[in-house]
N, C-alpha and C. Protein backbone atom coordinates (compact mmCIF):
# COMPACT_ATOMS: atom_id res chain seq x y z
N MET A 1 2.07 2.12 -13.17
CA MET A 1 2.64 1.60 -11.94
C MET A 1 2.51 0.08 -11.89
N GLU A 2 1.36 -0.44 -12.31
CA GLU A 2 1.18 -1.89 -12.28
C GLU A 2 2.23 -2.59 -13.14
N THR A 3 2.54 -2.01 -14.28
CA THR A 3 3.53 -2.60 -15.18
C THR A 3 4.88 -2.70 -14.48
N GLN A 4 5.30 -1.64 -13.82
CA GLN A 4 6.59 -1.64 -13.14
C GLN A 4 6.63 -2.68 -12.01
N ILE A 5 5.52 -2.84 -11.31
CA ILE A 5 5.45 -3.85 -10.25
C ILE A 5 5.58 -5.25 -10.84
N LYS A 6 4.91 -5.48 -11.94
CA LYS A 6 5.00 -6.79 -12.60
C LYS A 6 6.42 -7.04 -13.12
N MET A 7 7.08 -5.98 -13.58
CA MET A 7 8.47 -6.12 -14.04
C MET A 7 9.38 -6.53 -12.88
N ILE A 8 9.19 -5.93 -11.74
CA ILE A 8 10.00 -6.28 -10.57
C ILE A 8 9.67 -7.71 -10.13
N SER A 9 8.42 -8.08 -10.25
CA SER A 9 8.01 -9.46 -9.93
C SER A 9 8.72 -10.45 -10.83
N ALA A 10 8.81 -10.15 -12.12
CA ALA A 10 9.51 -11.01 -13.06
C ALA A 10 10.99 -11.09 -12.72
N ALA A 11 11.57 -9.95 -12.37
CA ALA A 11 12.99 -9.91 -12.00
C ALA A 11 13.25 -10.77 -10.77
N THR A 12 12.35 -10.69 -9.82
CA THR A 12 12.48 -11.48 -8.59
C THR A 12 12.39 -12.97 -8.90
N ALA A 13 11.51 -13.32 -9.82
CA ALA A 13 11.38 -14.73 -10.24
C ALA A 13 12.67 -15.22 -10.89
N VAL A 14 13.31 -14.36 -11.68
CA VAL A 14 14.58 -14.73 -12.32
C VAL A 14 15.65 -14.96 -11.25
N LEU A 15 15.72 -14.07 -10.29
CA LEU A 15 16.73 -14.21 -9.22
C LEU A 15 16.48 -15.47 -8.40
N LYS A 16 15.23 -15.77 -8.14
CA LYS A 16 14.90 -16.99 -7.40
C LYS A 16 15.31 -18.23 -8.19
N LEU A 17 15.02 -18.22 -9.49
CA LEU A 17 15.41 -19.36 -10.33
C LEU A 17 16.93 -19.53 -10.35
N ARG A 18 17.65 -18.41 -10.49
CA ARG A 18 19.12 -18.49 -10.51
C ARG A 18 19.68 -19.01 -9.19
N LYS A 19 19.01 -18.68 -8.11
CA LYS A 19 19.46 -19.18 -6.80
C LYS A 19 19.25 -20.68 -6.72
N GLN A 20 18.10 -21.15 -7.22
CA GLN A 20 17.78 -22.58 -7.19
C GLN A 20 18.60 -23.36 -8.21
N ASN A 21 18.89 -22.70 -9.34
CA ASN A 21 19.61 -23.37 -10.43
C ASN A 21 20.65 -22.42 -11.01
N PRO A 22 21.83 -22.35 -10.39
CA PRO A 22 22.86 -21.41 -10.85
C PRO A 22 23.31 -21.65 -12.29
N MET A 23 23.06 -22.83 -12.81
CA MET A 23 23.48 -23.15 -14.18
C MET A 23 22.36 -22.86 -15.20
N ALA A 24 21.31 -22.19 -14.77
CA ALA A 24 20.20 -21.88 -15.66
C ALA A 24 20.68 -21.07 -16.86
N ILE A 25 20.13 -21.39 -18.01
CA ILE A 25 20.47 -20.68 -19.24
C ILE A 25 19.30 -19.80 -19.64
N ASP A 26 19.50 -18.98 -20.68
CA ASP A 26 18.48 -18.04 -21.13
C ASP A 26 17.11 -18.71 -21.30
N GLU A 27 17.10 -19.86 -21.95
CA GLU A 27 15.84 -20.53 -22.24
C GLU A 27 15.11 -20.90 -20.96
N ASP A 28 15.85 -21.36 -19.95
CA ASP A 28 15.25 -21.71 -18.67
C ASP A 28 14.58 -20.49 -18.04
N VAL A 29 15.30 -19.38 -18.09
CA VAL A 29 14.81 -18.15 -17.47
C VAL A 29 13.53 -17.68 -18.17
N PHE A 30 13.55 -17.64 -19.50
CA PHE A 30 12.39 -17.13 -20.22
C PHE A 30 11.20 -18.09 -20.11
N GLN A 31 11.47 -19.38 -20.03
CA GLN A 31 10.38 -20.33 -19.82
C GLN A 31 9.76 -20.14 -18.44
N HIS A 32 10.61 -19.90 -17.46
CA HIS A 32 10.13 -19.67 -16.09
C HIS A 32 9.25 -18.41 -16.03
N VAL A 33 9.70 -17.35 -16.68
CA VAL A 33 8.91 -16.11 -16.69
C VAL A 33 7.61 -16.29 -17.46
N SER A 34 7.67 -17.02 -18.58
CA SER A 34 6.44 -17.31 -19.34
C SER A 34 5.45 -18.08 -18.48
N ASP A 35 5.95 -19.03 -17.71
CA ASP A 35 5.08 -19.79 -16.80
C ASP A 35 4.47 -18.87 -15.74
N CYS A 36 5.26 -17.93 -15.23
CA CYS A 36 4.74 -16.96 -14.23
C CYS A 36 3.63 -16.11 -14.85
N ILE A 37 3.84 -15.67 -16.08
CA ILE A 37 2.83 -14.86 -16.77
C ILE A 37 1.54 -15.67 -16.93
N GLU A 38 1.70 -16.93 -17.29
CA GLU A 38 0.55 -17.82 -17.46
C GLU A 38 -0.19 -18.03 -16.14
N ARG A 39 0.56 -18.29 -15.07
CA ARG A 39 -0.06 -18.52 -13.75
C ARG A 39 -0.80 -17.28 -13.26
N GLU A 40 -0.24 -16.10 -13.52
CA GLU A 40 -0.87 -14.86 -13.07
C GLU A 40 -1.99 -14.41 -14.00
N ARG A 41 -2.17 -15.13 -15.10
CA ARG A 41 -3.23 -14.83 -16.08
C ARG A 41 -3.18 -13.38 -16.55
N ILE A 42 -1.99 -12.96 -16.91
CA ILE A 42 -1.80 -11.59 -17.41
C ILE A 42 -2.27 -11.55 -18.86
N LYS A 43 -3.16 -10.63 -19.13
CA LYS A 43 -3.77 -10.54 -20.46
C LYS A 43 -3.15 -9.43 -21.31
N GLU A 44 -2.80 -8.32 -20.67
CA GLU A 44 -2.33 -7.15 -21.40
C GLU A 44 -0.95 -7.43 -22.03
N GLU A 45 -0.90 -7.31 -23.34
CA GLU A 45 0.31 -7.62 -24.09
C GLU A 45 1.51 -6.76 -23.66
N LYS A 46 1.25 -5.49 -23.41
CA LYS A 46 2.33 -4.59 -23.02
C LYS A 46 2.97 -5.03 -21.70
N VAL A 47 2.17 -5.49 -20.77
CA VAL A 47 2.67 -5.95 -19.48
C VAL A 47 3.50 -7.22 -19.67
N LYS A 48 3.03 -8.13 -20.52
CA LYS A 48 3.78 -9.35 -20.80
C LYS A 48 5.16 -9.02 -21.37
N ILE A 49 5.18 -8.12 -22.34
CA ILE A 49 6.44 -7.72 -22.97
C ILE A 49 7.35 -7.08 -21.94
N ALA A 50 6.80 -6.23 -21.10
CA ALA A 50 7.61 -5.54 -20.08
C ALA A 50 8.20 -6.56 -19.09
N MET A 51 7.42 -7.55 -18.72
CA MET A 51 7.92 -8.57 -17.78
C MET A 51 9.06 -9.36 -18.41
N ILE A 52 8.90 -9.72 -19.67
CA ILE A 52 9.95 -10.48 -20.35
C ILE A 52 11.20 -9.62 -20.52
N ALA A 53 11.01 -8.35 -20.85
CA ALA A 53 12.15 -7.44 -20.98
C ALA A 53 12.88 -7.28 -19.66
N ALA A 54 12.13 -7.15 -18.57
CA ALA A 54 12.74 -7.02 -17.24
C ALA A 54 13.50 -8.29 -16.86
N ALA A 55 12.93 -9.43 -17.20
CA ALA A 55 13.60 -10.70 -16.91
C ALA A 55 14.91 -10.79 -17.67
N GLY A 56 14.88 -10.43 -18.94
CA GLY A 56 16.10 -10.45 -19.74
C GLY A 56 17.15 -9.51 -19.21
N GLU A 57 16.74 -8.33 -18.83
CA GLU A 57 17.68 -7.33 -18.30
C GLU A 57 18.24 -7.81 -16.96
N THR A 58 17.41 -8.39 -16.14
CA THR A 58 17.87 -8.91 -14.85
C THR A 58 18.90 -10.01 -15.04
N PHE A 59 18.63 -10.92 -15.96
CA PHE A 59 19.55 -12.01 -16.26
C PHE A 59 20.88 -11.45 -16.77
N LYS A 60 20.80 -10.45 -17.63
CA LYS A 60 22.00 -9.80 -18.18
C LYS A 60 22.82 -9.13 -17.07
N ILE A 61 22.16 -8.38 -16.21
CA ILE A 61 22.85 -7.70 -15.11
C ILE A 61 23.54 -8.73 -14.21
N ALA A 62 22.83 -9.80 -13.89
CA ALA A 62 23.39 -10.84 -13.01
C ALA A 62 24.60 -11.51 -13.64
N ARG A 63 24.54 -11.78 -14.94
CA ARG A 63 25.68 -12.41 -15.63
C ARG A 63 26.88 -11.48 -15.70
N GLN A 64 26.63 -10.20 -15.96
CA GLN A 64 27.72 -9.24 -16.10
C GLN A 64 28.34 -8.86 -14.76
N ASN A 65 27.60 -9.05 -13.69
CA ASN A 65 28.05 -8.66 -12.35
C ASN A 65 27.85 -9.82 -11.38
N PRO A 66 28.62 -10.88 -11.51
CA PRO A 66 28.39 -12.08 -10.70
C PRO A 66 28.52 -11.85 -9.19
N LYS A 67 29.21 -10.81 -8.78
CA LYS A 67 29.39 -10.56 -7.35
C LYS A 67 28.29 -9.68 -6.76
N PHE A 68 27.38 -9.19 -7.61
CA PHE A 68 26.28 -8.36 -7.12
C PHE A 68 25.34 -9.20 -6.26
N SER A 69 24.83 -8.60 -5.21
CA SER A 69 23.78 -9.25 -4.42
C SER A 69 22.46 -9.08 -5.16
N GLU A 70 21.43 -9.80 -4.72
CA GLU A 70 20.11 -9.65 -5.34
C GLU A 70 19.63 -8.21 -5.23
N LYS A 71 19.89 -7.60 -4.09
CA LYS A 71 19.49 -6.22 -3.86
C LYS A 71 20.16 -5.28 -4.87
N GLU A 72 21.44 -5.50 -5.13
CA GLU A 72 22.17 -4.66 -6.09
C GLU A 72 21.64 -4.86 -7.51
N ILE A 73 21.33 -6.10 -7.85
CA ILE A 73 20.79 -6.40 -9.18
C ILE A 73 19.43 -5.71 -9.36
N LEU A 74 18.56 -5.82 -8.35
CA LEU A 74 17.26 -5.17 -8.44
C LEU A 74 17.39 -3.65 -8.50
N LYS A 75 18.32 -3.11 -7.75
CA LYS A 75 18.55 -1.65 -7.78
C LYS A 75 18.95 -1.20 -9.19
N GLU A 76 19.84 -1.96 -9.80
CA GLU A 76 20.27 -1.66 -11.17
C GLU A 76 19.10 -1.74 -12.13
N LEU A 77 18.28 -2.78 -11.98
CA LEU A 77 17.12 -2.94 -12.85
C LEU A 77 16.14 -1.79 -12.67
N ILE A 78 15.85 -1.43 -11.43
CA ILE A 78 14.89 -0.36 -11.15
C ILE A 78 15.31 0.95 -11.82
N GLN A 79 16.60 1.19 -11.88
CA GLN A 79 17.09 2.39 -12.56
C GLN A 79 16.82 2.33 -14.06
N LYS A 80 16.76 1.12 -14.62
CA LYS A 80 16.57 0.95 -16.06
C LYS A 80 15.09 0.83 -16.47
N ILE A 81 14.21 0.62 -15.52
CA ILE A 81 12.79 0.40 -15.84
C ILE A 81 12.18 1.53 -16.67
N PRO A 82 12.39 2.80 -16.34
CA PRO A 82 11.79 3.85 -17.17
C PRO A 82 12.22 3.77 -18.64
N PHE A 83 13.48 3.47 -18.87
CA PHE A 83 13.99 3.34 -20.24
C PHE A 83 13.36 2.14 -20.94
N ILE A 84 13.23 1.03 -20.24
CA ILE A 84 12.63 -0.18 -20.82
C ILE A 84 11.17 0.10 -21.20
N VAL A 85 10.42 0.71 -20.29
CA VAL A 85 9.01 1.02 -20.55
C VAL A 85 8.89 1.99 -21.74
N GLU A 86 9.75 2.96 -21.78
CA GLU A 86 9.74 3.93 -22.88
C GLU A 86 9.96 3.25 -24.23
N ARG A 87 10.93 2.34 -24.28
CA ARG A 87 11.21 1.61 -25.52
C ARG A 87 10.01 0.76 -25.95
N ILE A 88 9.36 0.14 -24.99
CA ILE A 88 8.18 -0.69 -25.30
C ILE A 88 7.07 0.18 -25.86
N GLU A 89 6.84 1.32 -25.25
CA GLU A 89 5.78 2.22 -25.71
C GLU A 89 6.09 2.78 -27.10
N GLU A 90 7.35 3.03 -27.40
CA GLU A 90 7.75 3.51 -28.72
C GLU A 90 7.46 2.47 -29.80
N ASN A 91 7.62 1.21 -29.44
CA ASN A 91 7.46 0.14 -30.43
C ASN A 91 6.03 -0.37 -30.55
N ASN A 92 5.14 0.11 -29.72
CA ASN A 92 3.73 -0.35 -29.80
C ASN A 92 2.82 0.74 -30.27
């Protein structure tokens, strides 16, 4: 459960960054999420990977659906979280 909450936190950070800087590129987004991970002092590697994966997926959803509201983007991400977590666990 903690992992999923952190993933949503990362997604929210991405959406906030995009609102502040609509021209943000992939590198900006991932640097922002890396900074969030650092500030929160997250140690567990699996959680870090999950947060980065959620950020990437959020950025992808937002780019593919520019008319989606933040709520719609988060809803789409939440539906994908179990699949993302499963893929991470398979690879670790």
